[in-house]
């Protein structure tokens, strides 16, 4: 029973975590684009987007990340050391989760940069950053579904291929916006 509760909360946690990261990434794009507006539109949009960024980060991303980690560690404890040692896919998944947690923390630092009225990246760069959670999600889901039967080469190849197509799609979108003058 406890395992099922942990697994349910783990799934809800990571779905919420990713939802927050996807939304936060879009807000970063919109924040950067607001910087190119004239006053008072720039100030109004920037202020509202900063409030939204902070709320998504503090109320959705961080709590969901913590729930995901706590429930995941609880499930690992239930599975035991022997299972963990034999599950190579889990070692990779944990590494990815550590990197994703770092990415989440870097989003918090980007918000602090925005609060100072700065924006280090272009809207195109923010759009590319917005695709990073997609790559993490695909890799983690592939590992969780296929477990030790997943060929690391194929998983890595699939993620690289998706990353390439996401990059191309983002560039095509940028070109179409430039053509339309938006």
N, C-alpha and C. Protein backbone atom coordinates (compact mmCIF):
# COMPACT_ATOMS: atom_id res chain seq x y z
N UNK A 1 0.82 -1.20 0.00
CA UNK A 1 0.00 0.00 0.00
C UNK A 1 0.87 1.26 0.00
N UNK A 2 1.88 1.30 0.89
CA UNK A 2 2.73 2.49 0.97
C UNK A 2 3.47 2.71 -0.33
N UNK A 3 3.89 1.61 -0.99
CA UNK A 3 4.59 1.73 -2.26
C UNK A 3 3.69 2.38 -3.31
N UNK A 4 2.44 1.96 -3.37
CA UNK A 4 1.50 2.52 -4.34
C UNK A 4 1.25 4.01 -4.09
N UNK A 5 1.19 4.39 -2.83
CA UNK A 5 1.01 5.81 -2.49
C UNK A 5 2.25 6.60 -2.93
N UNK A 6 3.43 6.07 -2.62
CA UNK A 6 4.67 6.73 -3.03
C UNK A 6 4.76 6.86 -4.55
N UNK A 7 4.41 5.79 -5.25
CA UNK A 7 4.48 5.81 -6.71
C UNK A 7 3.50 6.82 -7.29
N UNK A 8 2.29 6.87 -6.74
CA UNK A 8 1.29 7.84 -7.19
C UNK A 8 1.78 9.26 -6.98
N UNK A 9 2.27 9.55 -5.79
CA UNK A 9 2.77 10.90 -5.50
C UNK A 9 4.00 11.23 -6.35
N UNK A 10 4.84 10.22 -6.60
CA UNK A 10 6.02 10.41 -7.45
C UNK A 10 5.60 10.82 -8.86
N UNK A 11 4.61 10.13 -9.41
CA UNK A 11 4.13 10.44 -10.76
C UNK A 11 3.50 11.83 -10.80
N UNK A 12 2.64 12.14 -9.83
CA UNK A 12 2.03 13.47 -9.77
C UNK A 12 3.11 14.53 -9.59
N UNK A 13 4.11 14.23 -8.79
CA UNK A 13 5.20 15.18 -8.56
C UNK A 13 5.98 15.48 -9.83
N UNK A 14 6.38 14.43 -10.57
CA UNK A 14 7.19 14.73 -11.74
C UNK A 14 6.36 15.34 -12.87
N UNK A 15 5.09 14.98 -12.97
CA UNK A 15 4.23 15.63 -13.97
C UNK A 15 4.11 17.13 -13.64
N UNK A 16 3.91 17.45 -12.38
CA UNK A 16 3.80 18.85 -11.97
C UNK A 16 5.12 19.59 -12.15
N UNK A 17 6.21 18.92 -11.82
CA UNK A 17 7.54 19.52 -11.97
C UNK A 17 7.79 19.90 -13.43
N UNK A 18 7.52 18.95 -14.33
CA UNK A 18 7.73 19.23 -15.75
C UNK A 18 6.75 20.29 -16.26
N UNK A 19 5.52 20.23 -15.81
CA UNK A 19 4.54 21.25 -16.23
C UNK A 19 5.04 22.64 -15.84
N UNK A 20 5.55 22.76 -14.63
CA UNK A 20 6.09 24.03 -14.17
C UNK A 20 7.28 24.47 -14.99
N UNK A 21 8.18 23.54 -15.32
CA UNK A 21 9.35 23.90 -16.13
C UNK A 21 8.95 24.32 -17.54
N UNK A 22 7.98 23.62 -18.12
CA UNK A 22 7.52 23.99 -19.47
C UNK A 22 6.91 25.40 -19.45
N UNK A 23 6.09 25.67 -18.45
CA UNK A 23 5.43 26.98 -18.35
C UNK A 23 6.45 28.08 -18.05
N UNK A 24 7.38 27.79 -17.16
CA UNK A 24 8.40 28.75 -16.80
C UNK A 24 9.25 29.13 -18.01
N UNK A 25 9.60 28.13 -18.81
CA UNK A 25 10.37 28.40 -20.02
C UNK A 25 9.66 29.33 -20.98
N UNK A 26 8.36 29.13 -21.13
CA UNK A 26 7.58 30.03 -22.01
C UNK A 26 7.57 31.44 -21.44
N UNK A 27 7.43 31.55 -20.13
CA UNK A 27 7.42 32.88 -19.52
C UNK A 27 8.76 33.58 -19.70
N UNK A 28 9.86 32.83 -19.70
CA UNK A 28 11.16 33.44 -19.95
C UNK A 28 11.20 34.03 -21.36
N UNK A 29 10.66 33.30 -22.32
CA UNK A 29 10.59 33.81 -23.70
C UNK A 29 9.78 35.10 -23.73
N UNK A 30 8.59 35.07 -23.11
CA UNK A 30 7.72 36.25 -23.12
C UNK A 30 8.35 37.42 -22.38
N UNK A 31 9.06 37.13 -21.28
CA UNK A 31 9.73 38.19 -20.54
C UNK A 31 10.77 38.88 -21.43
N UNK A 32 11.55 38.08 -22.11
CA UNK A 32 12.60 38.65 -22.98
C UNK A 32 11.97 39.48 -24.10
N UNK A 33 10.89 38.98 -24.68
CA UNK A 33 10.22 39.72 -25.75
C UNK A 33 9.59 41.01 -25.22
N UNK A 34 9.16 41.01 -23.97
CA UNK A 34 8.59 42.22 -23.38
C UNK A 34 9.64 43.31 -23.25
N UNK A 35 10.91 42.93 -23.14
CA UNK A 35 11.97 43.92 -23.00
C UNK A 35 12.13 44.77 -24.26
N UNK A 36 11.63 44.28 -25.38
CA UNK A 36 11.72 45.02 -26.64
C UNK A 36 10.51 45.94 -26.86
N UNK A 37 9.55 45.91 -25.95
CA UNK A 37 8.37 46.76 -26.07
C UNK A 37 8.68 48.16 -25.56
N UNK A 38 7.82 49.10 -25.90
CA UNK A 38 7.99 50.46 -25.39
C UNK A 38 7.22 50.60 -24.08
N UNK A 39 7.58 51.60 -23.33
CA UNK A 39 6.87 51.88 -22.06
C UNK A 39 5.48 52.40 -22.36
N UNK A 40 4.49 52.17 -21.59
CA UNK A 40 4.46 51.45 -20.32
C UNK A 40 4.24 49.94 -20.50
N UNK A 41 4.05 49.49 -21.76
CA UNK A 41 3.79 48.07 -22.01
C UNK A 41 4.93 47.20 -21.47
N UNK A 42 6.17 47.63 -21.68
CA UNK A 42 7.33 46.86 -21.20
C UNK A 42 7.26 46.65 -19.70
N UNK A 43 7.02 47.71 -18.96
CA UNK A 43 6.99 47.62 -17.50
C UNK A 43 5.84 46.76 -17.02
N UNK A 44 4.67 46.96 -17.60
CA UNK A 44 3.49 46.20 -17.17
C UNK A 44 3.69 44.71 -17.42
N UNK A 45 4.12 44.36 -18.63
CA UNK A 45 4.33 42.95 -18.97
C UNK A 45 5.44 42.35 -18.11
N UNK A 46 6.56 43.08 -17.98
CA UNK A 46 7.69 42.57 -17.21
C UNK A 46 7.31 42.32 -15.75
N UNK A 47 6.62 43.27 -15.16
CA UNK A 47 6.21 43.11 -13.75
C UNK A 47 5.29 41.91 -13.58
N UNK A 48 4.31 41.76 -14.48
CA UNK A 48 3.38 40.64 -14.37
C UNK A 48 4.08 39.31 -14.60
N UNK A 49 4.95 39.26 -15.59
CA UNK A 49 5.67 38.01 -15.87
C UNK A 49 6.61 37.63 -14.73
N UNK A 50 7.20 38.62 -14.07
CA UNK A 50 8.04 38.32 -12.91
C UNK A 50 7.23 37.70 -11.78
N UNK A 51 6.05 38.26 -11.53
CA UNK A 51 5.17 37.67 -10.50
C UNK A 51 4.84 36.23 -10.87
N UNK A 52 4.48 36.01 -12.11
CA UNK A 52 4.11 34.66 -12.56
C UNK A 52 5.29 33.70 -12.49
N UNK A 53 6.48 34.16 -12.90
CA UNK A 53 7.67 33.31 -12.84
C UNK A 53 7.95 32.87 -11.40
N UNK A 54 7.91 33.83 -10.49
CA UNK A 54 8.17 33.50 -9.09
C UNK A 54 7.15 32.51 -8.54
N UNK A 55 5.89 32.71 -8.88
CA UNK A 55 4.86 31.80 -8.37
C UNK A 55 5.01 30.40 -8.93
N UNK A 56 5.25 30.29 -10.21
CA UNK A 56 5.42 28.96 -10.81
C UNK A 56 6.64 28.27 -10.22
N UNK A 57 7.71 29.02 -10.06
CA UNK A 57 8.94 28.43 -9.53
C UNK A 57 8.78 28.00 -8.07
N UNK A 58 8.23 28.91 -7.25
CA UNK A 58 8.14 28.64 -5.81
C UNK A 58 6.95 27.77 -5.42
N UNK A 59 5.85 27.85 -6.17
CA UNK A 59 4.64 27.13 -5.77
C UNK A 59 4.45 25.82 -6.53
N UNK A 60 5.02 25.73 -7.73
CA UNK A 60 4.86 24.51 -8.52
C UNK A 60 6.18 23.74 -8.64
N UNK A 61 7.18 24.36 -9.25
CA UNK A 61 8.42 23.63 -9.56
C UNK A 61 9.12 23.07 -8.33
N UNK A 62 9.44 23.94 -7.38
CA UNK A 62 10.20 23.46 -6.22
C UNK A 62 9.45 22.44 -5.37
N UNK A 63 8.19 22.69 -4.98
CA UNK A 63 7.49 21.66 -4.22
C UNK A 63 7.34 20.34 -4.98
N UNK A 64 7.05 20.43 -6.28
CA UNK A 64 6.90 19.20 -7.08
C UNK A 64 8.22 18.45 -7.18
N UNK A 65 9.32 19.19 -7.31
CA UNK A 65 10.63 18.54 -7.35
C UNK A 65 10.91 17.83 -6.03
N UNK A 66 10.59 18.46 -4.93
CA UNK A 66 10.83 17.87 -3.61
C UNK A 66 9.97 16.62 -3.42
N UNK A 67 8.70 16.68 -3.80
CA UNK A 67 7.82 15.51 -3.70
C UNK A 67 8.36 14.37 -4.56
N UNK A 68 8.79 14.70 -5.77
CA UNK A 68 9.35 13.68 -6.67
C UNK A 68 10.55 13.00 -6.04
N UNK A 69 11.46 13.78 -5.50
CA UNK A 69 12.66 13.22 -4.88
C UNK A 69 12.33 12.38 -3.65
N UNK A 70 11.50 12.91 -2.76
CA UNK A 70 11.18 12.19 -1.52
C UNK A 70 10.50 10.86 -1.83
N UNK A 71 9.51 10.89 -2.72
CA UNK A 71 8.79 9.65 -3.03
C UNK A 71 9.68 8.67 -3.80
N UNK A 72 10.51 9.19 -4.69
CA UNK A 72 11.43 8.34 -5.43
C UNK A 72 12.43 7.66 -4.51
N UNK A 73 12.98 8.42 -3.56
CA UNK A 73 13.93 7.83 -2.60
C UNK A 73 13.20 6.82 -1.72
N UNK A 74 11.96 7.11 -1.35
CA UNK A 74 11.17 6.15 -0.58
C UNK A 74 10.97 4.85 -1.33
N UNK A 75 10.68 4.94 -2.64
CA UNK A 75 10.51 3.72 -3.44
C UNK A 75 11.83 2.96 -3.56
N UNK A 76 12.93 3.68 -3.73
CA UNK A 76 14.25 3.03 -3.78
C UNK A 76 14.53 2.28 -2.49
N UNK A 77 14.15 2.89 -1.38
CA UNK A 77 14.35 2.24 -0.07
C UNK A 77 13.56 0.93 0.00
N UNK A 78 12.32 0.98 -0.50
CA UNK A 78 11.48 -0.23 -0.47
C UNK A 78 12.05 -1.31 -1.39
N UNK A 79 12.52 -0.91 -2.57
CA UNK A 79 13.11 -1.88 -3.50
C UNK A 79 14.35 -2.54 -2.91
N UNK A 80 15.15 -1.79 -2.20
CA UNK A 80 16.32 -2.33 -1.53
C UNK A 80 17.61 -2.16 -2.31
N UNK A 81 18.71 -2.39 -1.62
CA UNK A 81 20.04 -2.19 -2.18
C UNK A 81 20.35 -3.15 -3.32
N UNK A 82 19.97 -4.42 -3.18
CA UNK A 82 20.27 -5.40 -4.23
C UNK A 82 19.61 -5.01 -5.56
N UNK A 83 18.35 -4.59 -5.48
CA UNK A 83 17.65 -4.16 -6.69
C UNK A 83 18.34 -2.94 -7.29
N UNK A 84 18.71 -1.98 -6.43
CA UNK A 84 19.34 -0.76 -6.92
C UNK A 84 20.66 -1.06 -7.62
N UNK A 85 21.48 -1.89 -7.02
CA UNK A 85 22.78 -2.23 -7.62
C UNK A 85 22.60 -2.88 -8.99
N UNK A 86 21.58 -3.72 -9.13
CA UNK A 86 21.35 -4.43 -10.39
C UNK A 86 20.64 -3.59 -11.45
N UNK A 87 20.14 -2.44 -11.07
CA UNK A 87 19.34 -1.61 -11.99
C UNK A 87 20.18 -0.46 -12.53
N UNK A 88 20.96 -0.75 -13.55
CA UNK A 88 21.83 0.27 -14.14
C UNK A 88 21.05 1.46 -14.68
N UNK A 89 19.86 1.21 -15.19
CA UNK A 89 19.04 2.29 -15.74
C UNK A 89 18.71 3.33 -14.67
N UNK A 90 18.56 2.86 -13.43
CA UNK A 90 18.23 3.76 -12.34
C UNK A 90 19.39 4.69 -12.02
N UNK A 91 20.61 4.21 -12.18
CA UNK A 91 21.78 5.05 -11.94
C UNK A 91 21.79 6.22 -12.93
N UNK A 92 21.48 5.91 -14.19
CA UNK A 92 21.42 6.96 -15.22
C UNK A 92 20.27 7.91 -14.93
N UNK A 93 19.13 7.34 -14.53
CA UNK A 93 17.96 8.18 -14.22
C UNK A 93 18.28 9.13 -13.07
N UNK A 94 18.94 8.65 -12.04
CA UNK A 94 19.29 9.52 -10.92
C UNK A 94 20.25 10.62 -11.34
N UNK A 95 21.21 10.29 -12.21
CA UNK A 95 22.10 11.32 -12.73
C UNK A 95 21.31 12.38 -13.49
N UNK A 96 20.38 11.94 -14.31
CA UNK A 96 19.54 12.89 -15.04
C UNK A 96 18.69 13.75 -14.10
N UNK A 97 18.20 13.15 -13.04
CA UNK A 97 17.40 13.91 -12.07
C UNK A 97 18.25 14.94 -11.32
N UNK A 98 19.49 14.59 -11.06
CA UNK A 98 20.40 15.55 -10.43
C UNK A 98 20.63 16.73 -11.39
N UNK A 99 20.86 16.41 -12.67
CA UNK A 99 21.05 17.46 -13.68
C UNK A 99 19.78 18.29 -13.85
N UNK A 100 18.62 17.63 -13.84
CA UNK A 100 17.35 18.36 -13.96
C UNK A 100 17.11 19.26 -12.75
N UNK A 101 17.50 18.79 -11.59
CA UNK A 101 17.39 19.62 -10.38
C UNK A 101 18.29 20.85 -10.51
N UNK A 102 19.49 20.65 -11.08
CA UNK A 102 20.39 21.77 -11.33
C UNK A 102 19.79 22.74 -12.34
N UNK A 103 19.16 22.21 -13.37
CA UNK A 103 18.49 23.06 -14.37
C UNK A 103 17.38 23.86 -13.70
N UNK A 104 16.63 23.22 -12.82
CA UNK A 104 15.56 23.90 -12.09
C UNK A 104 16.14 25.04 -11.26
N UNK A 105 17.25 24.76 -10.58
CA UNK A 105 17.92 25.81 -9.80
C UNK A 105 18.40 26.95 -10.68
N UNK A 106 18.88 26.62 -11.88
CA UNK A 106 19.34 27.68 -12.79
C UNK A 106 18.17 28.54 -13.26
N UNK A 107 16.98 27.95 -13.35
CA UNK A 107 15.78 28.73 -13.68
C UNK A 107 15.51 29.75 -12.57
N UNK A 108 15.71 29.35 -11.32
CA UNK A 108 15.55 30.27 -10.20
C UNK A 108 16.53 31.42 -10.29
N UNK A 109 17.76 31.12 -10.72
CA UNK A 109 18.77 32.18 -10.89
C UNK A 109 18.39 33.11 -12.03
N UNK A 110 17.78 32.56 -13.09
CA UNK A 110 17.34 33.41 -14.20
C UNK A 110 16.25 34.38 -13.73
N UNK A 111 15.37 33.90 -12.86
CA UNK A 111 14.33 34.78 -12.32
C UNK A 111 14.97 35.92 -11.55
N UNK A 112 15.98 35.61 -10.73
CA UNK A 112 16.68 36.66 -9.98
C UNK A 112 17.32 37.67 -10.93
N UNK A 113 17.86 37.18 -12.04
CA UNK A 113 18.44 38.07 -13.06
C UNK A 113 17.36 38.99 -13.63
N UNK A 114 16.19 38.42 -13.90
CA UNK A 114 15.08 39.21 -14.43
C UNK A 114 14.63 40.26 -13.41
N UNK A 115 14.64 39.89 -12.14
CA UNK A 115 14.24 40.83 -11.09
C UNK A 115 15.16 42.04 -11.04
N UNK A 116 16.41 41.85 -11.44
CA UNK A 116 17.36 42.97 -11.50
C UNK A 116 17.23 43.76 -12.80
N UNK A 117 16.26 43.37 -13.64
CA UNK A 117 16.03 44.07 -14.90
C UNK A 117 16.98 43.65 -16.00
N UNK A 118 17.62 42.51 -15.82
CA UNK A 118 18.57 42.01 -16.81
C UNK A 118 17.99 40.79 -17.51
N UNK A 119 18.51 40.54 -18.69
CA UNK A 119 18.13 39.34 -19.43
C UNK A 119 19.35 38.93 -20.24
N UNK A 120 19.99 37.84 -19.84
CA UNK A 120 21.24 37.42 -20.47
C UNK A 120 21.05 36.81 -21.85
N UNK A 121 19.85 36.33 -22.13
CA UNK A 121 19.63 35.54 -23.33
C UNK A 121 18.63 36.19 -24.26
N UNK A 122 18.71 35.82 -25.53
CA UNK A 122 17.73 36.26 -26.52
C UNK A 122 16.48 35.39 -26.38
N UNK A 123 15.39 35.82 -27.01
CA UNK A 123 14.17 35.00 -26.96
C UNK A 123 14.42 33.66 -27.64
N UNK A 124 15.25 33.64 -28.68
CA UNK A 124 15.59 32.37 -29.35
C UNK A 124 16.34 31.44 -28.40
N UNK A 125 17.29 31.98 -27.64
CA UNK A 125 18.02 31.15 -26.69
C UNK A 125 17.10 30.63 -25.59
N UNK A 126 16.16 31.47 -25.14
CA UNK A 126 15.18 31.00 -24.16
C UNK A 126 14.30 29.91 -24.76
N UNK A 127 13.95 30.05 -26.03
CA UNK A 127 13.14 29.01 -26.69
C UNK A 127 13.91 27.69 -26.72
N UNK A 128 15.19 27.76 -27.01
CA UNK A 128 16.00 26.53 -27.00
C UNK A 128 16.07 25.94 -25.59
N UNK A 129 16.26 26.81 -24.58
CA UNK A 129 16.30 26.33 -23.20
C UNK A 129 14.97 25.69 -22.80
N UNK A 130 13.90 26.19 -23.37
CA UNK A 130 12.57 25.66 -23.07
C UNK A 130 12.43 24.22 -23.54
N UNK A 131 13.28 23.78 -24.45
CA UNK A 131 13.22 22.40 -24.95
C UNK A 131 14.03 21.43 -24.10
N UNK A 132 14.88 21.95 -23.23
CA UNK A 132 15.71 21.08 -22.39
C UNK A 132 14.87 20.13 -21.54
N UNK A 133 13.81 20.61 -20.86
CA UNK A 133 12.99 19.66 -20.10
C UNK A 133 12.38 18.55 -20.97
N UNK A 134 12.07 18.86 -22.23
CA UNK A 134 11.53 17.84 -23.13
C UNK A 134 12.53 16.71 -23.32
N UNK A 135 13.79 17.06 -23.49
CA UNK A 135 14.84 16.05 -23.66
C UNK A 135 15.02 15.22 -22.40
N UNK A 136 14.98 15.88 -21.25
CA UNK A 136 15.06 15.15 -19.98
C UNK A 136 13.87 14.20 -19.84
N UNK A 137 12.68 14.71 -20.13
CA UNK A 137 11.47 13.91 -19.98
C UNK A 137 11.53 12.66 -20.87
N UNK A 138 11.88 12.84 -22.12
CA UNK A 138 11.96 11.70 -23.04
C UNK A 138 12.96 10.66 -22.53
N UNK A 139 14.13 11.11 -22.13
CA UNK A 139 15.16 10.18 -21.67
C UNK A 139 14.73 9.44 -20.42
N UNK A 140 14.18 10.16 -19.46
CA UNK A 140 13.78 9.54 -18.20
C UNK A 140 12.64 8.55 -18.44
N UNK A 141 11.67 8.91 -19.26
CA UNK A 141 10.56 8.00 -19.54
C UNK A 141 11.05 6.76 -20.28
N UNK A 142 11.92 6.94 -21.27
CA UNK A 142 12.48 5.77 -21.98
C UNK A 142 13.18 4.83 -21.00
N UNK A 143 13.98 5.39 -20.11
CA UNK A 143 14.68 4.56 -19.12
C UNK A 143 13.69 3.85 -18.20
N UNK A 144 12.67 4.56 -17.74
CA UNK A 144 11.70 3.96 -16.81
C UNK A 144 10.86 2.88 -17.47
N UNK A 145 10.56 3.05 -18.75
CA UNK A 145 9.73 2.06 -19.44
C UNK A 145 10.54 0.83 -19.84
N UNK A 146 11.71 1.06 -20.43
CA UNK A 146 12.50 -0.06 -20.94
C UNK A 146 13.47 -0.64 -19.93
N UNK A 147 13.75 0.11 -18.88
CA UNK A 147 14.63 -0.30 -17.79
C UNK A 147 15.95 -0.86 -18.32
N UNK A 148 16.39 -2.00 -17.82
CA UNK A 148 17.69 -2.55 -18.23
C UNK A 148 17.69 -3.10 -19.65
N UNK A 149 16.51 -3.25 -20.26
CA UNK A 149 16.48 -3.76 -21.63
C UNK A 149 16.75 -2.66 -22.65
N UNK A 150 16.81 -1.41 -22.19
CA UNK A 150 17.07 -0.29 -23.10
C UNK A 150 18.54 -0.29 -23.48
N UNK A 151 18.77 -0.20 -24.77
CA UNK A 151 20.13 -0.05 -25.27
C UNK A 151 20.50 1.42 -25.13
N UNK A 152 21.53 1.69 -24.34
CA UNK A 152 21.91 3.07 -24.07
C UNK A 152 22.21 3.83 -25.36
N UNK A 153 22.77 3.15 -26.34
CA UNK A 153 23.08 3.79 -27.61
C UNK A 153 21.81 4.28 -28.30
N UNK A 154 20.77 3.44 -28.31
CA UNK A 154 19.50 3.82 -28.94
C UNK A 154 18.80 4.94 -28.18
N UNK A 155 18.83 4.86 -26.86
CA UNK A 155 18.22 5.92 -26.05
C UNK A 155 18.92 7.24 -26.32
N UNK A 156 20.25 7.22 -26.27
CA UNK A 156 21.03 8.43 -26.53
C UNK A 156 20.76 8.95 -27.94
N UNK A 157 20.71 8.04 -28.91
CA UNK A 157 20.44 8.43 -30.28
C UNK A 157 19.06 9.06 -30.44
N UNK A 158 18.06 8.46 -29.80
CA UNK A 158 16.70 8.99 -29.88
C UNK A 158 16.62 10.39 -29.28
N UNK A 159 17.29 10.60 -28.17
CA UNK A 159 17.28 11.91 -27.53
C UNK A 159 18.01 12.94 -28.39
N UNK A 160 19.16 12.54 -28.95
CA UNK A 160 19.88 13.46 -29.85
C UNK A 160 19.04 13.81 -31.07
N UNK A 161 18.36 12.81 -31.63
CA UNK A 161 17.52 13.05 -32.79
C UNK A 161 16.38 14.00 -32.45
N UNK A 162 15.73 13.77 -31.32
CA UNK A 162 14.67 14.68 -30.90
C UNK A 162 15.23 16.09 -30.67
N UNK A 163 16.38 16.17 -30.02
CA UNK A 163 17.00 17.48 -29.79
C UNK A 163 17.30 18.19 -31.10
N UNK A 164 17.76 17.46 -32.10
CA UNK A 164 18.03 18.05 -33.41
C UNK A 164 16.75 18.58 -34.03
N UNK A 165 15.68 17.78 -33.98
CA UNK A 165 14.41 18.23 -34.56
C UNK A 165 13.80 19.41 -33.79
N UNK A 166 13.97 19.41 -32.48
CA UNK A 166 13.50 20.55 -31.68
C UNK A 166 14.26 21.82 -32.06
N UNK A 167 15.57 21.68 -32.25
CA UNK A 167 16.39 22.82 -32.66
C UNK A 167 15.95 23.33 -34.03
N UNK A 168 15.75 22.40 -34.97
CA UNK A 168 15.31 22.81 -36.31
C UNK A 168 13.94 23.49 -36.25
N UNK A 169 13.04 22.93 -35.48
CA UNK A 169 11.71 23.51 -35.35
C UNK A 169 11.76 24.90 -34.76
N UNK A 170 12.62 25.08 -33.77
CA UNK A 170 12.77 26.39 -33.14
C UNK A 170 13.36 27.40 -34.11
N UNK A 171 14.33 26.97 -34.91
CA UNK A 171 14.91 27.87 -35.92
C UNK A 171 13.90 28.23 -37.00
N UNK A 172 13.12 27.23 -37.42
CA UNK A 172 12.10 27.50 -38.44
C UNK A 172 11.07 28.50 -37.90
N UNK A 173 10.68 28.34 -36.66
CA UNK A 173 9.73 29.26 -36.05
C UNK A 173 10.32 30.66 -35.99
N UNK A 174 11.60 30.75 -35.61
CA UNK A 174 12.26 32.06 -35.55
C UNK A 174 12.26 32.72 -36.93
N UNK A 175 12.59 31.96 -37.96
CA UNK A 175 12.61 32.51 -39.31
C UNK A 175 11.22 32.95 -39.77
N UNK A 176 10.20 32.17 -39.43
CA UNK A 176 8.84 32.54 -39.84
C UNK A 176 8.40 33.81 -39.12
N UNK A 177 8.79 33.98 -37.86
CA UNK A 177 8.46 35.21 -37.14
C UNK A 177 9.19 36.41 -37.73
N UNK A 178 10.46 36.21 -38.10
CA UNK A 178 11.23 37.31 -38.71
C UNK A 178 10.64 37.70 -40.06
N UNK A 179 10.16 36.70 -40.80
CA UNK A 179 9.56 36.97 -42.11
C UNK A 179 8.28 37.76 -41.95
N UNK A 180 7.48 37.41 -40.95
CA UNK A 180 6.22 38.11 -40.70
C UNK A 180 6.40 39.43 -40.01
N UNK A 181 7.61 39.66 -39.47
CA UNK A 181 7.88 40.91 -38.77
C UNK A 181 7.39 40.95 -37.34
N UNK A 182 7.16 39.78 -36.73
CA UNK A 182 6.68 39.71 -35.34
C UNK A 182 7.84 39.56 -34.41
